[in-house]
Amino acid sequence: MDFVYNYRYSYMDDPLNANFGNAAVAVFFTIYLLILTVALIFALTSYIFHSIGLYMIGKRMGRQYPWLAFIPVARDYFQGELAGEIVLKNKTIKNPGIWNLVLPIIGSTLFGIFMIFSVIAGSIAVAAGGAVTIILTLVIMMYIFSVIILAAVNVARIVLLVLINKQILAKFTSDNMALVHSVASQFVPLYEAFCFFIMRDKEFRPDKEPADSATDAEKTE
């Protein structure tokens, strides 16, 4: 007599397996929401304290539109303009606010252009019957070049922000401490926001007192 083994076991129909899967998904989304919530709290805290600090410093310096400190994008321009002209050894950065505003745009635009170009080049190669390895090599090279360009622009903006913040903070503390604060602001979360918030009430250094700041501030009120 022949026996036929006809029994099937489905893991998908197992209640224990289904419950484990549902629990794993629930844990994943809980952790994701927790991380997202913490990130939003950090971003909001940084934005508020940074904006208040820039606003008060700008107002004390007699700037005409200190409320720009609370407006996204415009705040980057306002922060750069608070520094004024940045004098290096052989060059002078005029209008650092404009550079602080356009550098991220330049980086994103160049990255987008190179990515689009790589897609177009790949499509042309496919249409022309090019080899797959050649197409992949071309696309990878364009992608790497795009990443290098974007990284270079980001490094340039970090250096610019260090110079901008150093020149602003040097109005309230020594040049060495201003440099330390400026560098730390680019790598330590919330450092820049709290640094500007704390400096907003400090007295100007005797040689850094803005000319006619009181008169100009009265005009803006």
C-alpha atoms as a PDB file:
ATOM      1  CA  MET A   1       0.000   0.000   0.000  1.00  0.00           C
ATOM      2  CA  ASP A   2       1.366   3.403  -0.991  1.00  0.00           C
ATOM      3  CA  PHE A   3       1.012   6.338   1.354  1.00  0.00           C
ATOM      4  CA  VAL A   4       0.834   9.848  -0.036  1.00  0.00           C
ATOM      5  CA  TYR A   5       2.027  12.658   2.234  1.00  0.00           C
ATOM      6  CA  ASN A   6      -0.287  15.480   1.351  1.00  0.00           C
ATOM      7  CA  TYR A   7       0.118  17.770   4.360  1.00  0.00           C
ATOM      8  CA  ARG A   8       1.080  21.376   3.773  1.00  0.00           C
ATOM      9  CA  TYR A   9       2.111  23.944   6.337  1.00  0.00           C
ATOM     10  CA  SER A  10       1.782  27.625   5.546  1.00  0.00           C
ATOM     11  CA  TYR A  11       3.750  30.093   7.630  1.00  0.00           C
ATOM     12  CA  MET A  12       1.575  32.880   6.360  1.00  0.00           C
ATOM     13  CA  ASP A  13      -1.491  31.257   7.918  1.00  0.00           C
ATOM     14  CA  ASP A  14       0.224  30.767  11.259  1.00  0.00           C
ATOM     15  CA  PRO A  15      -1.349  33.175  13.808  1.00  0.00           C
ATOM     16  CA  LEU A  16       1.896  33.359  15.785  1.00  0.00           C
ATOM     17  CA  ASN A  17       3.871  34.293  12.687  1.00  0.00           C
ATOM     18  CA  ALA A  18       1.289  36.883  11.648  1.00  0.00           C
ATOM     19  CA  ASN A  19       1.268  38.431  15.127  1.00  0.00           C
ATOM     20  CA  PHE A  20       5.063  38.600  15.128  1.00  0.00           C
ATOM     21  CA  GLY A  21       5.036  40.346  11.757  1.00  0.00           C
ATOM     22  CA  ASN A  22       2.436  42.861  12.902  1.00  0.00           C
ATOM     23  CA  ALA A  23       4.390  43.519  16.085  1.00  0.00           C
ATOM     24  CA  ALA A  24       7.608  44.075  14.115  1.00  0.00           C
ATOM     25  CA  VAL A  25       5.870  46.563  11.821  1.00  0.00           C
ATOM     26  CA  ALA A  26       4.366  48.366  14.825  1.00  0.00           C
ATOM     27  CA  VAL A  27       7.766  48.598  16.528  1.00  0.00           C
ATOM     28  CA  PHE A  28       9.380  49.872  13.328  1.00  0.00           C
ATOM     29  CA  PHE A  29       6.813  52.644  12.849  1.00  0.00           C
ATOM     30  CA  THR A  30       6.944  53.551  16.543  1.00  0.00           C
ATOM     31  CA  ILE A  31      10.720  53.995  16.372  1.00  0.00           C
ATOM     32  CA  TYR A  32      10.379  55.908  13.100  1.00  0.00           C
ATOM     33  CA  LEU A  33       7.793  58.293  14.576  1.00  0.00           C
ATOM     34  CA  LEU A  34       9.918  58.747  17.693  1.00  0.00           C
ATOM     35  CA  ILE A  35      13.001  59.635  15.653  1.00  0.00           C
ATOM     36  CA  LEU A  36      10.946  61.960  13.445  1.00  0.00           C
ATOM     37  CA  THR A  37       9.426  63.672  16.497  1.00  0.00           C
ATOM     38  CA  VAL A  38      12.837  64.202  18.114  1.00  0.00           C
ATOM     39  CA  ALA A  39      14.251  65.555  14.841  1.00  0.00           C
ATOM     40  CA  LEU A  40      11.336  67.992  14.481  1.00  0.00           C
ATOM     41  CA  ILE A  41      11.745  69.158  18.080  1.00  0.00           C
ATOM     42  CA  PHE A  42      15.467  69.743  17.503  1.00  0.00           C
ATOM     43  CA  ALA A  43      14.800  71.595  14.241  1.00  0.00           C
ATOM     44  CA  LEU A  44      12.072  73.778  15.779  1.00  0.00           C
ATOM     45  CA  THR A  45      14.155  74.558  18.866  1.00  0.00           C
ATOM     46  CA  SER A  46      17.148  75.458  16.716  1.00  0.00           C
ATOM     47  CA  TYR A  47      15.059  77.657  14.434  1.00  0.00           C
ATOM     48  CA  ILE A  48      13.412  79.586  17.275  1.00  0.00           C
ATOM     49  CA  PHE A  49      16.538  80.240  19.342  1.00  0.00           C
ATOM     50  CA  HIS A  50      18.650  81.014  16.259  1.00  0.00           C
ATOM     51  CA  SER A  51      16.071  83.441  14.895  1.00  0.00           C
ATOM     52  CA  ILE A  52      15.624  85.248  18.205  1.00  0.00           C
ATOM     53  CA  GLY A  53      19.389  85.572  18.580  1.00  0.00           C
ATOM     54  CA  LEU A  54      19.851  86.943  15.053  1.00  0.00           C
ATOM     55  CA  TYR A  55      16.898  89.294  15.470  1.00  0.00           C
ATOM     56  CA  MET A  56      18.186  90.827  18.692  1.00  0.00           C
ATOM     57  CA  ILE A  57      21.752  91.130  17.403  1.00  0.00           C
ATOM     58  CA  GLY A  58      20.529  92.717  14.182  1.00  0.00           C
ATOM     59  CA  LYS A  59      18.315  95.127  16.099  1.00  0.00           C
ATOM     60  CA  ARG A  60      21.145  96.147  18.428  1.00  0.00           C
ATOM     61  CA  MET A  61      23.393  96.685  15.404  1.00  0.00           C
ATOM     62  CA  GLY A  62      20.797  99.026  13.946  1.00  0.00           C
ATOM     63  CA  ARG A  63      19.900  96.893  10.936  1.00  0.00           C
ATOM     64  CA  GLN A  64      16.852  98.083   9.061  1.00  0.00           C
ATOM     65  CA  TYR A  65      14.958  94.795   8.754  1.00  0.00           C
ATOM     66  CA  PRO A  66      15.847  92.584  11.765  1.00  0.00           C
ATOM     67  CA  TRP A  67      12.584  90.629  11.341  1.00  0.00           C
ATOM     68  CA  LEU A  68      14.213  88.874   8.357  1.00  0.00           C
ATOM     69  CA  ALA A  69      15.786  86.619  10.990  1.00  0.00           C
ATOM     70  CA  PHE A  70      12.449  84.799  11.307  1.00  0.00           C
ATOM     71  CA  ILE A  71      11.870  84.185   7.576  1.00  0.00           C
ATOM     72  CA  PRO A  72      13.274  80.986   6.007  1.00  0.00           C
ATOM     73  CA  VAL A  73      15.873  81.544   3.274  1.00  0.00           C
ATOM     74  CA  ALA A  74      15.854  85.304   3.936  1.00  0.00           C
ATOM     75  CA  ARG A  75      17.430  84.512   7.293  1.00  0.00           C
ATOM     76  CA  ASP A  76      20.502  83.098   5.524  1.00  0.00           C
ATOM     77  CA  TYR A  77      20.919  86.386   3.668  1.00  0.00           C
ATOM     78  CA  PHE A  78      20.366  88.421   6.838  1.00  0.00           C
ATOM     79  CA  GLN A  79      22.940  86.394   8.789  1.00  0.00           C
ATOM     80  CA  GLY A  80      25.561  86.984   6.122  1.00  0.00           C
ATOM     81  CA  GLU A  81      24.826  90.697   5.965  1.00  0.00           C
ATOM     82  CA  LEU A  82      25.240  90.993   9.743  1.00  0.00           C
ATOM     83  CA  ALA A  83      28.871  90.005   9.285  1.00  0.00           C
ATOM     84  CA  GLY A  84      29.568  92.715   6.727  1.00  0.00           C
ATOM     85  CA  GLU A  85      32.474  92.483   4.317  1.00  0.00           C
ATOM     86  CA  ILE A  86      34.815  89.613   5.147  1.00  0.00           C
ATOM     87  CA  VAL A  87      38.441  90.565   4.583  1.00  0.00           C
ATOM     88  CA  LEU A  88      40.836  87.712   3.893  1.00  0.00           C
ATOM     89  CA  LYS A  89      44.553  87.976   3.159  1.00  0.00           C
ATOM     90  CA  ASN A  90      44.311  88.690  -0.539  1.00  0.00           C
ATOM     91  CA  LYS A  91      40.576  88.901  -1.145  1.00  0.00           C
ATOM     92  CA  THR A  92      37.464  90.505   0.237  1.00  0.00           C
ATOM     93  CA  ILE A  93      34.090  88.769   0.282  1.00  0.00           C
ATOM     94  CA  LYS A  94      31.566  91.474  -0.447  1.00  0.00           C
ATOM     95  CA  ASN A  95      27.886  90.771   0.270  1.00  0.00           C
ATOM     96  CA  PRO A  96      28.446  87.470   2.126  1.00  0.00           C
ATOM     97  CA  GLY A  97      24.683  87.301   2.640  1.00  0.00           C
ATOM     98  CA  ILE A  98      24.138  86.783  -1.083  1.00  0.00           C
ATOM     99  CA  TRP A  99      26.779  84.053  -1.217  1.00  0.00           C
ATOM    100  CA  ASN A 100      25.283  82.361   1.837  1.00  0.00           C
ATOM    101  CA  LEU A 101      21.944  82.412   0.044  1.00  0.00           C
ATOM    102  CA  VAL A 102      22.976  81.226  -3.422  1.00  0.00           C
ATOM    103  CA  LEU A 103      25.605  78.565  -2.612  1.00  0.00           C
ATOM    104  CA  PRO A 104      23.031  75.895  -1.634  1.00  0.00           C
ATOM    105  CA  ILE A 105      21.035  76.754  -4.761  1.00  0.00           C
ATOM    106  CA  ILE A 106      24.151  76.414  -6.927  1.00  0.00           C
ATOM    107  CA  GLY A 107      24.994  73.031  -5.395  1.00  0.00           C
ATOM    108  CA  SER A 108      21.493  71.624  -5.825  1.00  0.00           C
ATOM    109  CA  THR A 109      21.228  72.968  -9.381  1.00  0.00           C
ATOM    110  CA  LEU A 110      24.559  71.486 -10.469  1.00  0.00           C
ATOM    111  CA  PHE A 111      23.701  68.156  -8.868  1.00  0.00           C
ATOM    112  CA  GLY A 112      20.346  68.106 -10.672  1.00  0.00           C
ATOM    113  CA  ILE A 113      21.924  69.028 -14.022  1.00  0.00           C
ATOM    114  CA  PHE A 114      24.535  66.286 -13.829  1.00  0.00           C
ATOM    115  CA  MET A 115      21.949  63.713 -12.772  1.00  0.00           C
ATOM    116  CA  ILE A 116      19.668  64.647 -15.680  1.00  0.00           C
ATOM    117  CA  PHE A 117      22.613  64.582 -18.064  1.00  0.00           C
ATOM    118  CA  SER A 118      23.606  61.105 -16.867  1.00  0.00           C
ATOM    119  CA  VAL A 119      20.064  59.819 -17.448  1.00  0.00           C
ATOM    120  CA  ILE A 120      19.951  61.363 -20.935  1.00  0.00           C
ATOM    121  CA  ALA A 121      23.387  59.983 -21.791  1.00  0.00           C
ATOM    122  CA  GLY A 122      22.366  56.542 -20.608  1.00  0.00           C
ATOM    123  CA  SER A 123      19.150  56.662 -22.635  1.00  0.00           C
ATOM    124  CA  ILE A 124      21.047  57.692 -25.778  1.00  0.00           C
ATOM    125  CA  ALA A 125      23.548  54.885 -25.254  1.00  0.00           C
ATOM    126  CA  VAL A 126      20.734  52.344 -24.859  1.00  0.00           C
ATOM    127  CA  ALA A 127      18.969  53.624 -27.973  1.00  0.00           C
ATOM    128  CA  ALA A 128      22.226  53.383 -29.919  1.00  0.00           C
ATOM    129  CA  GLY A 129      22.707  49.802 -28.816  1.00  0.00           C
ATOM    130  CA  GLY A 130      25.599  50.509 -26.482  1.00  0.00           C
ATOM    131  CA  ALA A 131      26.967  47.850 -24.189  1.00  0.00           C
ATOM    132  CA  VAL A 132      25.439  47.626 -20.719  1.00  0.00           C
ATOM    133  CA  THR A 133      28.826  47.921 -19.012  1.00  0.00           C
ATOM    134  CA  ILE A 134      29.603  51.135 -20.893  1.00  0.00           C
ATOM    135  CA  ILE A 135      26.225  52.600 -19.954  1.00  0.00           C
ATOM    136  CA  LEU A 136      26.627  51.695 -16.291  1.00  0.00           C
ATOM    137  CA  THR A 137      30.167  53.056 -16.223  1.00  0.00           C
ATOM    138  CA  LEU A 138      29.027  56.345 -17.748  1.00  0.00           C
ATOM    139  CA  VAL A 139      26.126  56.746 -15.318  1.00  0.00           C
ATOM    140  CA  ILE A 140      28.273  55.855 -12.297  1.00  0.00           C
ATOM    141  CA  MET A 141      30.991  58.308 -13.349  1.00  0.00           C
ATOM    142  CA  MET A 142      28.453  61.096 -13.775  1.00  0.00           C
ATOM    143  CA  TYR A 143      26.914  60.308 -10.401  1.00  0.00           C
ATOM    144  CA  ILE A 144      30.301  60.332  -8.667  1.00  0.00           C
ATOM    145  CA  PHE A 145      31.178  63.625 -10.349  1.00  0.00           C
ATOM    146  CA  SER A 146      27.844  65.088  -9.213  1.00  0.00           C
ATOM    147  CA  VAL A 147      28.469  64.013  -5.620  1.00  0.00           C
ATOM    148  CA  ILE A 148      31.970  65.546  -5.702  1.00  0.00           C
ATOM    149  CA  ILE A 149      30.580  68.859  -7.006  1.00  0.00           C
ATOM    150  CA  LEU A 150      27.847  68.890  -4.357  1.00  0.00           C
ATOM    151  CA  ALA A 151      30.352  68.063  -1.614  1.00  0.00           C
ATOM    152  CA  ALA A 152      32.686  70.848  -2.784  1.00  0.00           C
ATOM    153  CA  VAL A 153      29.849  73.386  -2.695  1.00  0.00           C
ATOM    154  CA  ASN A 154      28.817  72.214   0.790  1.00  0.00           C
ATOM    155  CA  VAL A 155      32.402  72.545   2.043  1.00  0.00           C
ATOM    156  CA  ALA A 156      32.570  76.051   0.567  1.00  0.00           C
ATOM    157  CA  ARG A 157      29.355  76.995   2.381  1.00  0.00           C
ATOM    158  CA  ILE A 158      30.613  75.583   5.684  1.00  0.00           C
ATOM    159  CA  VAL A 159      33.791  77.649   5.360  1.00  0.00           C
ATOM    160  CA  LEU A 160      31.716  80.716   4.488  1.00  0.00           C
ATOM    161  CA  LEU A 161      29.447  80.172   7.508  1.00  0.00           C
ATOM    162  CA  VAL A 162      32.478  79.851   9.775  1.00  0.00           C
ATOM    163  CA  LEU A 163      33.804  83.183   8.465  1.00  0.00           C
ATOM    164  CA  ILE A 164      30.381  84.832   8.774  1.00  0.00           C
ATOM    165  CA  ASN A 165      29.739  83.610  12.319  1.00  0.00           C
ATOM    166  CA  LYS A 166      33.270  84.435  13.427  1.00  0.00           C
ATOM    167  CA  GLN A 167      32.876  88.021  12.294  1.00  0.00           C
ATOM    168  CA  ILE A 168      29.504  88.363  14.027  1.00  0.00           C
ATOM    169  CA  LEU A 169      30.540  86.689  17.277  1.00  0.00           C
ATOM    170  CA  ALA A 170      33.832  88.625  17.383  1.00  0.00           C
ATOM    171  CA  LYS A 171      31.737  91.693  18.199  1.00  0.00           C
ATOM    172  CA  PHE A 172      30.966  90.146  21.598  1.00  0.00           C
ATOM    173  CA  THR A 173      33.925  87.903  22.436  1.00  0.00           C
ATOM    174  CA  SER A 174      37.598  87.462  21.571  1.00  0.00           C
ATOM    175  CA  ASP A 175      38.623  86.503  18.043  1.00  0.00           C
ATOM    176  CA  ASN A 176      39.886  83.103  19.197  1.00  0.00           C
ATOM    177  CA  MET A 177      36.680  82.230  21.029  1.00  0.00           C
ATOM    178  CA  ALA A 178      34.627  83.512  18.117  1.00  0.00           C
ATOM    179  CA  LEU A 179      36.494  81.085  15.837  1.00  0.00           C
ATOM    180  CA  VAL A 180      35.959  78.193  18.274  1.00  0.00           C
ATOM    181  CA  HIS A 181      32.224  78.939  18.491  1.00  0.00           C
ATOM    182  CA  SER A 182      31.960  79.272  14.707  1.00  0.00           C
ATOM    183  CA  VAL A 183      33.638  75.942  13.996  1.00  0.00           C
ATOM    184  CA  ALA A 184      31.673  74.122  16.712  1.00  0.00           C
ATOM    185  CA  SER A 185      28.440  75.567  15.305  1.00  0.00           C
ATOM    186  CA  GLN A 186      28.932  73.607  12.077  1.00  0.00           C
ATOM    187  CA  PHE A 187      29.358  70.225  13.762  1.00  0.00           C
ATOM    188  CA  VAL A 188      27.484  70.293  17.092  1.00  0.00           C
ATOM    189  CA  PRO A 189      23.662  70.227  16.939  1.00  0.00           C
ATOM    190  CA  LEU A 190      21.929  73.314  18.421  1.00  0.00           C
ATOM    191  CA  TYR A 191      25.302  74.952  19.169  1.00  0.00           C
ATOM    192  CA  GLU A 192      24.862  77.787  16.699  1.00  0.00           C
ATOM    193  CA  ALA A 193      21.292  78.502  17.805  1.00  0.00           C
ATOM    194  CA  PHE A 194      22.098  78.717  21.517  1.00  0.00           C
ATOM    195  CA  CYS A 195      25.347  80.590  20.857  1.00  0.00           C
ATOM    196  CA  PHE A 196      23.559  83.417  19.038  1.00  0.00           C
ATOM    197  CA  PHE A 197      20.756  83.362  21.619  1.00  0.00           C
ATOM    198  CA  ILE A 198      23.257  83.813  24.473  1.00  0.00           C
ATOM    199  CA  MET A 199      25.293  86.468  22.647  1.00  0.00           C
ATOM    200  CA  ARG A 200      22.211  88.593  21.922  1.00  0.00           C
ATOM    201  CA  ASP A 201      22.392  90.266  25.351  1.00  0.00           C
ATOM    202  CA  LYS A 202      26.164  90.531  25.722  1.00  0.00           C
ATOM    203  CA  GLU A 203      27.855  93.897  25.567  1.00  0.00           C
ATOM    204  CA  PHE A 204      29.730  94.776  22.399  1.00  0.00           C
ATOM    205  CA  ARG A 205      33.483  94.799  22.626  1.00  0.00           C
ATOM    206  CA  PRO A 206      34.773  98.383  22.934  1.00  0.00           C
ATOM    207  CA  ASP A 207      36.364  98.310  19.481  1.00  0.00           C
ATOM    208  CA  LYS A 208      33.366  96.543  17.874  1.00  0.00           C
ATOM    209  CA  GLU A 209      30.582  98.897  18.924  1.00  0.00           C
ATOM    210  CA  PRO A 210      28.385  99.610  15.874  1.00  0.00           C
ATOM    211  CA  ALA A 211      28.332 103.261  14.866  1.00  0.00           C
ATOM    212  CA  ASP A 212      25.036 105.030  15.542  1.00  0.00           C
ATOM    213  CA  SER A 213      23.361 101.712  16.381  1.00  0.00           C
ATOM    214  CA  ALA A 214      20.923 103.364  18.767  1.00  0.00           C
ATOM    215  CA  THR A 215      19.837 105.962  16.209  1.00  0.00           C
ATOM    216  CA  ASP A 216      19.390 103.372  13.461  1.00  0.00           C
ATOM    217  CA  ALA A 217      17.493 101.040  15.767  1.00  0.00           C
ATOM    218  CA  GLU A 218      15.048 103.809  16.635  1.00  0.00           C
ATOM    219  CA  LYS A 219      14.335 104.308  12.938  1.00  0.00           C
ATOM    220  CA  THR A 220      13.245 100.698  12.533  1.00  0.00           C
ATOM    221  CA  GLU A 221      10.719 100.849  15.386  1.00  0.00           C
END
